[in-house]
PDB file of N, CA and C in Angstrom:
ATOM      1  N   MET A   1      -6.587   5.146  18.156  1.00  0.00           N
ATOM      2  CA  MET A   1      -5.821   4.058  17.582  1.00  0.00           C
ATOM      3  C   MET A   1      -4.359   4.483  17.549  1.00  0.00           C
ATOM      4  N   ASP A   2      -3.524   3.718  18.190  1.00  0.00           N
ATOM      5  CA  ASP A   2      -2.115   4.087  18.215  1.00  0.00           C
ATOM      6  C   ASP A   2      -1.195   2.918  17.878  1.00  0.00           C
ATOM      7  N   ASP A   3      -1.759   1.881  17.267  1.00  0.00           N
ATOM      8  CA  ASP A   3      -0.954   0.723  16.864  1.00  0.00           C
ATOM      9  C   ASP A   3      -1.307   0.325  15.432  1.00  0.00           C
ATOM     10  N   LEU A   4      -1.319   1.320  14.530  1.00  0.00           N
ATOM     11  CA  LEU A   4      -1.665   1.054  13.134  1.00  0.00           C
ATOM     12  C   LEU A   4      -0.479   0.470  12.385  1.00  0.00           C
ATOM     13  N   THR A   5      -0.748  -0.542  11.580  1.00  0.00           N
ATOM     14  CA  THR A   5       0.252  -1.082  10.658  1.00  0.00           C
ATOM     15  C   THR A   5      -0.423  -1.256   9.311  1.00  0.00           C
ATOM     16  N   GLY A   6       0.380  -1.402   8.281  1.00  0.00           N
ATOM     17  CA  GLY A   6      -0.197  -1.547   6.949  1.00  0.00           C
ATOM     18  C   GLY A   6       0.646  -2.417   6.047  1.00  0.00           C
ATOM     19  N   ASP A   7      -0.051  -3.098   5.155  1.00  0.00           N
ATOM     20  CA  ASP A   7       0.593  -3.930   4.144  1.00  0.00           C
ATOM     21  C   ASP A   7       0.324  -3.328   2.775  1.00  0.00           C
ATOM     22  N   VAL A   8       1.164  -3.674   1.817  1.00  0.00           N
ATOM     23  CA  VAL A   8       1.021  -3.163   0.458  1.00  0.00           C
ATOM     24  C   VAL A   8       0.903  -4.346  -0.496  1.00  0.00           C
ATOM     25  N   LYS A   9      -0.063  -4.243  -1.426  1.00  0.00           N
ATOM     26  CA  LYS A   9      -0.206  -5.239  -2.491  1.00  0.00           C
ATOM     27  C   LYS A   9      -0.120  -4.509  -3.820  1.00  0.00           C
ATOM     28  N   MET A  10       0.576  -5.105  -4.772  1.00  0.00           N
ATOM     29  CA  MET A  10       0.666  -4.543  -6.117  1.00  0.00           C
ATOM     30  C   MET A  10       0.034  -5.511  -7.099  1.00  0.00           C
ATOM     31  N   SER A  11      -0.678  -4.942  -8.083  1.00  0.00           N
ATOM     32  CA  SER A  11      -1.308  -5.762  -9.121  1.00  0.00           C
ATOM     33  C   SER A  11      -1.041  -5.146 -10.481  1.00  0.00           C
ATOM     34  N   LEU A  12      -1.051  -5.977 -11.497  1.00  0.00           N
ATOM     35  CA  LEU A  12      -0.850  -5.573 -12.889  1.00  0.00           C
ATOM     36  C   LEU A  12      -2.116  -5.930 -13.656  1.00  0.00           C
ATOM     37  N   TRP A  13      -2.571  -5.016 -14.532  1.00  0.00           N
ATOM     38  CA  TRP A  13      -3.767  -5.273 -15.331  1.00  0.00           C
ATOM     39  C   TRP A  13      -3.400  -6.102 -16.550  1.00  0.00           C
ATOM     40  N   THR A  14      -4.032  -7.276 -16.679  1.00  0.00           N
ATOM     41  CA  THR A  14      -3.804  -8.162 -17.825  1.00  0.00           C
ATOM     42  C   THR A  14      -5.147  -8.628 -18.373  1.00  0.00           C
ATOM     43  N   GLY A  15      -6.127  -7.715 -18.404  1.00  0.00           N
ATOM     44  CA  GLY A  15      -7.493  -8.086 -18.724  1.00  0.00           C
ATOM     45  C   GLY A  15      -8.282  -8.308 -17.442  1.00  0.00           C
ATOM     46  N   ARG A  16      -7.583  -8.498 -16.356  1.00  0.00           N
ATOM     47  CA  ARG A  16      -8.087  -8.545 -14.985  1.00  0.00           C
ATOM     48  C   ARG A  16      -6.892  -8.212 -14.092  1.00  0.00           C
ATOM     49  N   TRP A  17      -7.161  -7.823 -12.841  1.00  0.00           N
ATOM     50  CA  TRP A  17      -6.053  -7.505 -11.943  1.00  0.00           C
ATOM     51  C   TRP A  17      -5.360  -8.787 -11.499  1.00  0.00           C
ATOM     52  N   MET A  18      -4.053  -8.867 -11.733  1.00  0.00           N
ATOM     53  CA  MET A  18      -3.244 -10.009 -11.329  1.00  0.00           C
ATOM     54  C   MET A  18      -2.308  -9.533 -10.217  1.00  0.00           C
ATOM     55  N   GLU A  19      -2.512 -10.058  -9.001  1.00  0.00           N
ATOM     56  CA  GLU A  19      -1.670  -9.649  -7.883  1.00  0.00           C
ATOM     57  C   GLU A  19      -0.246 -10.157  -8.090  1.00  0.00           C
ATOM     58  N   LEU A  20       0.712  -9.278  -7.875  1.00  0.00           N
ATOM     59  CA  LEU A  20       2.120  -9.629  -8.034  1.00  0.00           C
ATOM     60  C   LEU A  20       2.665 -10.135  -6.703  1.00  0.00           C
ATOM     61  N   PRO A  21       3.372 -11.248  -6.700  1.00  0.00           N
ATOM     62  CA  PRO A  21       3.916 -11.768  -5.440  1.00  0.00           C
ATOM     63  C   PRO A  21       4.973 -10.821  -4.880  1.00  0.00           C
ATOM     64  N   ASN A  22       4.954 -10.612  -3.560  1.00  0.00           N
ATOM     65  CA  ASN A  22       5.989  -9.772  -2.944  1.00  0.00           C
ATOM     66  C   ASN A  22       6.718 -10.516  -1.828  1.00  0.00           C
ATOM     67  N   PHE A  23       6.343 -11.786  -1.618  1.00  0.00           N
ATOM     68  CA  PHE A  23       7.026 -12.668  -0.667  1.00  0.00           C
ATOM     69  C   PHE A  23       7.098 -12.073   0.738  1.00  0.00           C
ATOM     70  N   GLY A  24       6.118 -11.222   1.079  1.00  0.00           N
ATOM     71  CA  GLY A  24       6.052 -10.644   2.418  1.00  0.00           C
ATOM     72  C   GLY A  24       6.910  -9.412   2.633  1.00  0.00           C
ATOM     73  N   PHE A  25       7.689  -9.007   1.633  1.00  0.00           N
ATOM     74  CA  PHE A  25       8.584  -7.863   1.804  1.00  0.00           C
ATOM     75  C   PHE A  25       7.837  -6.544   1.971  1.00  0.00           C
ATOM     76  N   LEU A  26       6.585  -6.467   1.522  1.00  0.00           N
ATOM     77  CA  LEU A  26       5.822  -5.229   1.628  1.00  0.00           C
ATOM     78  C   LEU A  26       4.830  -5.267   2.790  1.00  0.00           C
ATOM     79  N   ASN A  27       4.869  -6.325   3.594  1.00  0.00           N
ATOM     80  CA  ASN A  27       4.009  -6.406   4.773  1.00  0.00           C
ATOM     81  C   ASN A  27       4.594  -5.543   5.882  1.00  0.00           C
ATOM     82  N   GLY A  28       3.739  -4.846   6.604  1.00  0.00           N
ATOM     83  CA  GLY A  28       4.203  -4.004   7.704  1.00  0.00           C
ATOM     84  C   GLY A  28       4.981  -2.792   7.238  1.00  0.00           C
ATOM     85  N   LEU A  29       4.836  -2.431   5.971  1.00  0.00           N
ATOM     86  CA  LEU A  29       5.601  -1.321   5.404  1.00  0.00           C
ATOM     87  C   LEU A  29       5.205   0.015   6.018  1.00  0.00           C
ATOM     88  N   LEU A  30       3.938   0.171   6.358  1.00  0.00           N
ATOM     89  CA  LEU A  30       3.441   1.408   6.953  1.00  0.00           C
ATOM     90  C   LEU A  30       3.110   1.154   8.412  1.00  0.00           C
ATOM     91  N   GLU A  31       3.403   2.126   9.268  1.00  0.00           N
ATOM     92  CA  GLU A  31       3.077   1.994  10.680  1.00  0.00           C
ATOM     93  C   GLU A  31       3.071   3.365  11.330  1.00  0.00           C
ATOM     94  N   CYS A  32       2.583   3.426  12.555  1.00  0.00           N
ATOM     95  CA  CYS A  32       2.590   4.690  13.284  1.00  0.00           C
ATOM     96  C   CYS A  32       4.021   5.220  13.364  1.00  0.00           C
ATOM     97  N   GLY A  33       4.183   6.497  13.060  1.00  0.00           N
ATOM     98  CA  GLY A  33       5.505   7.108  13.100  1.00  0.00           C
ATOM     99  C   GLY A  33       6.285   6.938  11.812  1.00  0.00           C
ATOM    100  N   ALA A  34       5.828   6.074  10.920  1.00  0.00           N
ATOM    101  CA  ALA A  34       6.493   5.870   9.629  1.00  0.00           C
ATOM    102  C   ALA A  34       5.450   6.039   8.535  1.00  0.00           C
ATOM    103  N   GLY A  35       5.027   7.277   8.345  1.00  0.00           N
ATOM    104  CA  GLY A  35       4.050   7.586   7.313  1.00  0.00           C
ATOM    105  C   GLY A  35       2.654   7.840   7.839  1.00  0.00           C
ATOM    106  N   ILE A  36       2.365   7.397   9.059  1.00  0.00           N
ATOM    107  CA  ILE A  36       1.050   7.604   9.660  1.00  0.00           C
ATOM    108  C   ILE A  36       1.238   8.346  10.977  1.00  0.00           C
ATOM    109  N   LYS A  37       0.552   9.497  11.119  1.00  0.00           N
ATOM    110  CA  LYS A  37       0.625  10.256  12.365  1.00  0.00           C
ATOM    111  C   LYS A  37      -0.353   9.650  13.361  1.00  0.00           C
ATOM    112  N   CYS A  38       0.150   9.184  14.481  1.00  0.00           N
ATOM    113  CA  CYS A  38      -0.685   8.535  15.494  1.00  0.00           C
ATOM    114  C   CYS A  38      -0.601   9.311  16.800  1.00  0.00           C
ATOM    115  N   PRO A  39      -1.564   9.200  17.683  1.00  0.00           N
ATOM    116  CA  PRO A  39      -2.736   8.334  17.577  1.00  0.00           C
ATOM    117  C   PRO A  39      -3.762   8.898  16.601  1.00  0.00           C
ATOM    118  N   VAL A  40      -4.570   8.012  16.032  1.00  0.00           N
ATOM    119  CA  VAL A  40      -5.651   8.388  15.132  1.00  0.00           C
ATOM    120  C   VAL A  40      -6.946   8.305  15.936  1.00  0.00           C
ATOM    121  N   GLU A  41      -7.660   9.411  15.997  1.00  0.00           N
ATOM    122  CA  GLU A  41      -8.932   9.445  16.724  1.00  0.00           C
ATOM    123  C   GLU A  41      -9.999   8.721  15.907  1.00  0.00           C
ATOM    124  N   SER A  42     -10.973   8.145  16.579  1.00  0.00           N
ATOM    125  CA  SER A  42     -12.061   7.488  15.862  1.00  0.00           C
ATOM    126  C   SER A  42     -13.022   8.541  15.322  1.00  0.00           C
ATOM    127  N   GLY A  43     -13.785   8.176  14.312  1.00  0.00           N
ATOM    128  CA  GLY A  43     -14.740   9.091  13.704  1.00  0.00           C
ATOM    129  C   GLY A  43     -14.273   9.576  12.347  1.00  0.00           C
ATOM    130  N   LYS A  44     -15.176  10.287  11.671  1.00  0.00           N
ATOM    131  CA  LYS A  44     -14.892  10.789  10.328  1.00  0.00           C
ATOM    132  C   LYS A  44     -13.864  11.917  10.395  1.00  0.00           C
ATOM    133  N   GLN A  45     -12.845  11.840   9.551  1.00  0.00           N
ATOM    134  CA  GLN A  45     -11.794  12.850   9.516  1.00  0.00           C
ATOM    135  C   GLN A  45     -10.969  12.707   8.254  1.00  0.00           C
ATOM    136  N   ASN A  46     -10.182  13.714   7.973  1.00  0.00           N
ATOM    137  CA  ASN A  46      -9.229  13.657   6.862  1.00  0.00           C
ATOM    138  C   ASN A  46      -7.872  13.307   7.443  1.00  0.00           C
ATOM    139  N   LEU A  47      -7.250  12.289   6.892  1.00  0.00           N
ATOM    140  CA  LEU A  47      -5.940  11.858   7.367  1.00  0.00           C
ATOM    141  C   LEU A  47      -4.883  12.166   6.325  1.00  0.00           C
ATOM    142  N   GLU A  48      -3.729  12.586   6.783  1.00  0.00           N
ATOM    143  CA  GLU A  48      -2.590  12.777   5.896  1.00  0.00           C
ATOM    144  C   GLU A  48      -1.658  11.593   6.094  1.00  0.00           C
ATOM    145  N   ILE A  49      -1.441  10.849   5.022  1.00  0.00           N
ATOM    146  CA  ILE A  49      -0.581   9.667   5.070  1.00  0.00           C
ATOM    147  C   ILE A  49       0.548   9.869   4.072  1.00  0.00           C
ATOM    148  N   THR A  50       1.775   9.744   4.532  1.00  0.00           N
ATOM    149  CA  THR A  50       2.940   9.858   3.665  1.00  0.00           C
ATOM    150  C   THR A  50       3.398   8.454   3.296  1.00  0.00           C
ATOM    151  N   VAL A  51       3.535   8.204   2.004  1.00  0.00           N
ATOM    152  CA  VAL A  51       3.920   6.873   1.538  1.00  0.00           C
ATOM    153  C   VAL A  51       5.214   6.977   0.741  1.00  0.00           C
ATOM    154  N   ASP A  52       6.235   6.269   1.192  1.00  0.00           N
ATOM    155  CA  ASP A  52       7.508   6.199   0.480  1.00  0.00           C
ATOM    156  C   ASP A  52       7.444   4.988  -0.447  1.00  0.00           C
ATOM    157  N   LEU A  53       7.427   5.229  -1.752  1.00  0.00           N
ATOM    158  CA  LEU A  53       7.320   4.132  -2.716  1.00  0.00           C
ATOM    159  C   LEU A  53       8.673   3.509  -3.065  1.00  0.00           C
ATOM    160  N   ALA A  54       9.756   3.999  -2.479  1.00  0.00           N
ATOM    161  CA  ALA A  54      11.086   3.462  -2.778  1.00  0.00           C
ATOM    162  C   ALA A  54      11.178   1.946  -2.568  1.00  0.00           C
ATOM    163  N   PRO A  55      10.548   1.366  -1.517  1.00  0.00           N
ATOM    164  CA  PRO A  55      10.628  -0.091  -1.356  1.00  0.00           C
ATOM    165  C   PRO A  55       9.989  -0.870  -2.504  1.00  0.00           C
ATOM    166  N   LEU A  56       9.170  -0.216  -3.328  1.00  0.00           N
ATOM    167  CA  LEU A  56       8.543  -0.895  -4.456  1.00  0.00           C
ATOM    168  C   LEU A  56       9.462  -0.964  -5.673  1.00  0.00           C
ATOM    169  N   THR A  57      10.542  -0.200  -5.675  1.00  0.00           N
ATOM    170  CA  THR A  57      11.441  -0.115  -6.828  1.00  0.00           C
ATOM    171  C   THR A  57      11.942  -1.473  -7.311  1.00  0.00           C
ATOM    172  N   PRO A  58      12.371  -2.386  -6.427  1.00  0.00           N
ATOM    173  CA  PRO A  58      12.846  -3.687  -6.931  1.00  0.00           C
ATOM    174  C   PRO A  58      11.789  -4.440  -7.732  1.00  0.00           C
ATOM    175  N   TYR A  59      10.518  -4.227  -7.426  1.00  0.00           N
ATOM    176  CA  TYR A  59       9.447  -4.913  -8.137  1.00  0.00           C
ATOM    177  C   TYR A  59       9.152  -4.246  -9.468  1.00  0.00           C
ATOM    178  N   THR A  60       9.179  -2.935  -9.510  1.00  0.00           N
ATOM    179  CA  THR A  60       8.819  -2.224 -10.735  1.00  0.00           C
ATOM    180  C   THR A  60       9.890  -2.346 -11.809  1.00  0.00           C
ATOM    181  N   MET A  61      11.115  -2.677 -11.433  1.00  0.00           N
ATOM    182  CA  MET A  61      12.194  -2.819 -12.417  1.00  0.00           C
ATOM    183  C   MET A  61      11.883  -3.906 -13.443  1.00  0.00           C
ATOM    184  N   TYR A  62      11.132  -4.919 -13.041  1.00  0.00           N
ATOM    185  CA  TYR A  62      10.886  -6.076 -13.899  1.00  0.00           C
ATOM    186  C   TYR A  62       9.494  -6.075 -14.529  1.00  0.00           C
ATOM    187  N   LEU A  63       8.761  -5.000 -14.336  1.00  0.00           N
ATOM    188  CA  LEU A  63       7.400  -4.935 -14.858  1.00  0.00           C
ATOM    189  C   LEU A  63       7.373  -4.272 -16.225  1.00  0.00           C
ATOM    190  N   PRO A  64       6.354  -4.574 -17.022  1.00  0.00           N
ATOM    191  CA  PRO A  64       6.237  -3.959 -18.348  1.00  0.00           C
ATOM    192  C   PRO A  64       6.125  -2.439 -18.243  1.00  0.00           C
ATOM    193  N   ARG A  65       6.711  -1.752 -19.204  1.00  0.00           N
ATOM    194  CA  ARG A  65       6.627  -0.292 -19.232  1.00  0.00           C
ATOM    195  C   ARG A  65       5.235   0.127 -19.693  1.00  0.00           C
ATOM    196  N   THR A  66       4.803   1.274 -19.239  1.00  0.00           N
ATOM    197  CA  THR A  66       3.521   1.868 -19.610  1.00  0.00           C
ATOM    198  C   THR A  66       2.382   0.859 -19.488  1.00  0.00           C
ATOM    199  N   ALA A  67       2.196   0.339 -18.313  1.00  0.00           N
ATOM    200  CA  ALA A  67       1.132  -0.632 -18.044  1.00  0.00           C
ATOM    201  C   ALA A  67       0.264  -0.130 -16.891  1.00  0.00           C
ATOM    202  N   PRO A  68      -0.992  -0.545 -16.839  1.00  0.00           N
ATOM    203  CA  PRO A  68      -1.856  -0.176 -15.713  1.00  0.00           C
ATOM    204  C   PRO A  68      -1.476  -0.971 -14.455  1.00  0.00           C
ATOM    205  N   TYR A  69      -1.370  -0.265 -13.338  1.00  0.00           N
ATOM    206  CA  TYR A  69      -1.016  -0.883 -12.063  1.00  0.00           C
ATOM    207  C   TYR A  69      -2.005  -0.478 -10.991  1.00  0.00           C
ATOM    208  N   LYS A  70      -2.109  -1.334  -9.993  1.00  0.00           N
ATOM    209  CA  LYS A  70      -2.913  -1.021  -8.815  1.00  0.00           C
ATOM    210  C   LYS A  70      -2.030  -1.245  -7.597  1.00  0.00           C
ATOM    211  N   ILE A  71      -1.995  -0.245  -6.721  1.00  0.00           N
ATOM    212  CA  ILE A  71      -1.280  -0.364  -5.454  1.00  0.00           C
ATOM    213  C   ILE A  71      -2.332  -0.256  -4.361  1.00  0.00           C
ATOM    214  N   GLU A  72      -2.416  -1.280  -3.531  1.00  0.00           N
ATOM    215  CA  GLU A  72      -3.423  -1.319  -2.468  1.00  0.00           C
ATOM    216  C   GLU A  72      -2.731  -1.288  -1.109  1.00  0.00           C
ATOM    217  N   PHE A  73      -3.096  -0.298  -0.310  1.00  0.00           N
ATOM    218  CA  PHE A  73      -2.575  -0.163   1.046  1.00  0.00           C
ATOM    219  C   PHE A  73      -3.671  -0.624   2.004  1.00  0.00           C
ATOM    220  N   GLN A  74      -3.373  -1.618   2.828  1.00  0.00           N
ATOM    221  CA  GLN A  74      -4.346  -2.138   3.797  1.00  0.00           C
ATOM    222  C   GLN A  74      -3.849  -1.807   5.199  1.00  0.00           C
ATOM    223  N   PHE A  75      -4.671  -1.089   5.959  1.00  0.00           N
ATOM    224  CA  PHE A  75      -4.310  -0.674   7.309  1.00  0.00           C
ATOM    225  C   PHE A  75      -5.144  -1.440   8.320  1.00  0.00           C
ATOM    226  N   ARG A  76      -4.557  -1.728   9.480  1.00  0.00           N
ATOM    227  CA  ARG A  76      -5.292  -2.381  10.564  1.00  0.00           C
ATOM    228  C   ARG A  76      -4.741  -1.890  11.903  1.00  0.00           C
ATOM    229  N   GLU A  77      -5.555  -2.027  12.918  1.00  0.00           N
ATOM    230  CA  GLU A  77      -5.176  -1.665  14.285  1.00  0.00           C
ATOM    231  C   GLU A  77      -4.663  -2.911  14.984  1.00  0.00           C
ATOM    232  N   GLY A  78      -3.380  -2.932  15.304  1.00  0.00           N
ATOM    233  CA  GLY A  78      -2.787  -4.081  15.986  1.00  0.00           C
ATOM    234  C   GLY A  78      -2.989  -5.364  15.211  1.00  0.00           C
ATOM    235  N   LYS A  79      -3.505  -6.385  15.883  1.00  0.00           N
ATOM    236  CA  LYS A  79      -3.731  -7.687  15.245  1.00  0.00           C
ATOM    237  C   LYS A  79      -5.178  -7.857  14.781  1.00  0.00           C
ATOM    238  N   SER A  80      -5.922  -6.760  14.739  1.00  0.00           N
ATOM    239  CA  SER A  80      -7.329  -6.812  14.342  1.00  0.00           C
ATOM    240  C   SER A  80      -7.482  -7.326  12.916  1.00  0.00           C
ATOM    241  N   ALA A  81      -8.571  -8.056  12.682  1.00  0.00           N
ATOM    242  CA  ALA A  81      -8.859  -8.547  11.331  1.00  0.00           C
ATOM    243  C   ALA A  81      -9.526  -7.464  10.486  1.00  0.00           C
ATOM    244  N   LYS A  82     -10.057  -6.413  11.133  1.00  0.00           N
ATOM    245  CA  LYS A  82     -10.707  -5.329  10.400  1.00  0.00           C
ATOM    246  C   LYS A  82      -9.651  -4.480   9.716  1.00  0.00           C
ATOM    247  N   ARG A  83      -9.915  -4.157   8.443  1.00  0.00           N
ATOM    248  CA  ARG A  83      -8.945  -3.396   7.661  1.00  0.00           C
ATOM    249  C   ARG A  83      -9.613  -2.214   6.982  1.00  0.00           C
ATOM    250  N   SER A  84      -8.826  -1.178   6.770  1.00  0.00           N
ATOM    251  CA  SER A  84      -9.219  -0.044   5.930  1.00  0.00           C
ATOM    252  C   SER A  84      -8.270  -0.046   4.752  1.00  0.00           C
ATOM    253  N   CYS A  85      -8.767   0.334   3.587  1.00  0.00           N
ATOM    254  CA  CYS A  85      -7.939   0.255   2.385  1.00  0.00           C
ATOM    255  C   CYS A  85      -7.869   1.586   1.658  1.00  0.00           C
ATOM    256  N   LEU A  86      -6.737   1.820   1.034  1.00  0.00           N
ATOM    257  CA  LEU A  86      -6.526   2.921   0.105  1.00  0.00           C
ATOM    258  C   LEU A  86      -6.014   2.274  -1.173  1.00  0.00           C
ATOM    259  N   VAL A  87      -6.711   2.504  -2.295  1.00  0.00           N
ATOM    260  CA  VAL A  87      -6.331   1.886  -3.562  1.00  0.00           C
ATOM    261  C   VAL A  87      -5.987   2.975  -4.566  1.00  0.00           C
ATOM    262  N   ILE A  88      -4.835   2.824  -5.211  1.00  0.00           N
ATOM    263  CA  ILE A  88      -4.398   3.734  -6.267  1.00  0.00           C
ATOM    264  C   ILE A  88      -4.281   2.920  -7.545  1.00  0.00           C
ATOM    265  N   GLU A  89      -5.013   3.331  -8.570  1.00  0.00           N
ATOM    266  CA  GLU A  89      -4.892   2.706  -9.888  1.00  0.00           C
ATOM    267  C   GLU A  89      -4.295   3.745 -10.817  1.00  0.00           C
ATOM    268  N   THR A  90      -3.261   3.363 -11.539  1.00  0.00           N
ATOM    269  CA  THR A  90      -2.557   4.335 -12.363  1.00  0.00           C
ATOM    270  C   THR A  90      -1.972   3.676 -13.604  1.00  0.00           C
ATOM    271  N   LEU A  91      -1.780   4.476 -14.603  1.00  0.00           N
ATOM    272  CA  LEU A  91      -1.042   4.038 -15.785  1.00  0.00           C
ATOM    273  C   LEU A  91       0.359   4.584 -15.594  1.00  0.00           C
ATOM    274  N   GLY A  92       1.288   3.710 -15.264  1.00  0.00           N
ATOM    275  CA  GLY A  92       2.618   4.170 -14.899  1.00  0.00           C
ATOM    276  C   GLY A  92       3.668   3.764 -15.901  1.00  0.00           C
ATOM    277  N   THR A  93       4.733   4.517 -15.905  1.00  0.00           N
ATOM    278  CA  THR A  93       5.905   4.167 -16.694  1.00  0.00           C
ATOM    279  C   THR A  93       6.994   3.772 -15.727  1.00  0.00           C
ATOM    280  N   THR A  94       7.487   2.550 -15.839  1.00  0.00           N
ATOM    281  CA  THR A  94       8.549   2.083 -14.962  1.00  0.00           C
ATOM    282  C   THR A  94       9.886   2.333 -15.626  1.00  0.00           C
ATOM    283  N   ALA A  95      10.903   2.441 -14.807  1.00  0.00           N
ATOM    284  CA  ALA A  95      12.260   2.684 -15.321  1.00  0.00           C
ATOM    285  C   ALA A  95      12.959   1.390 -15.640  1.00  0.00           C
TER     286      ALA A  95
END
């Protein structure tokens, strides 16, 4: 796989996960050469993915302090509908 791209979704816990609108600004945030080492061979393996969270800063400025958040990274090969996901749930303090 040498045409990986990824989108990012952020959610806030309010008794249930509420997805925060990002107006498409976090789509295509990850790609080969920008956080993902490509090509990625098929099969079971450990992957090292570098994620720069700086693009999320404009969104976190307006969020409640010390709240539970979920950041979901969705990866796909080219225009494929099949996706792989990495989900991080954390209790974060925003600035």
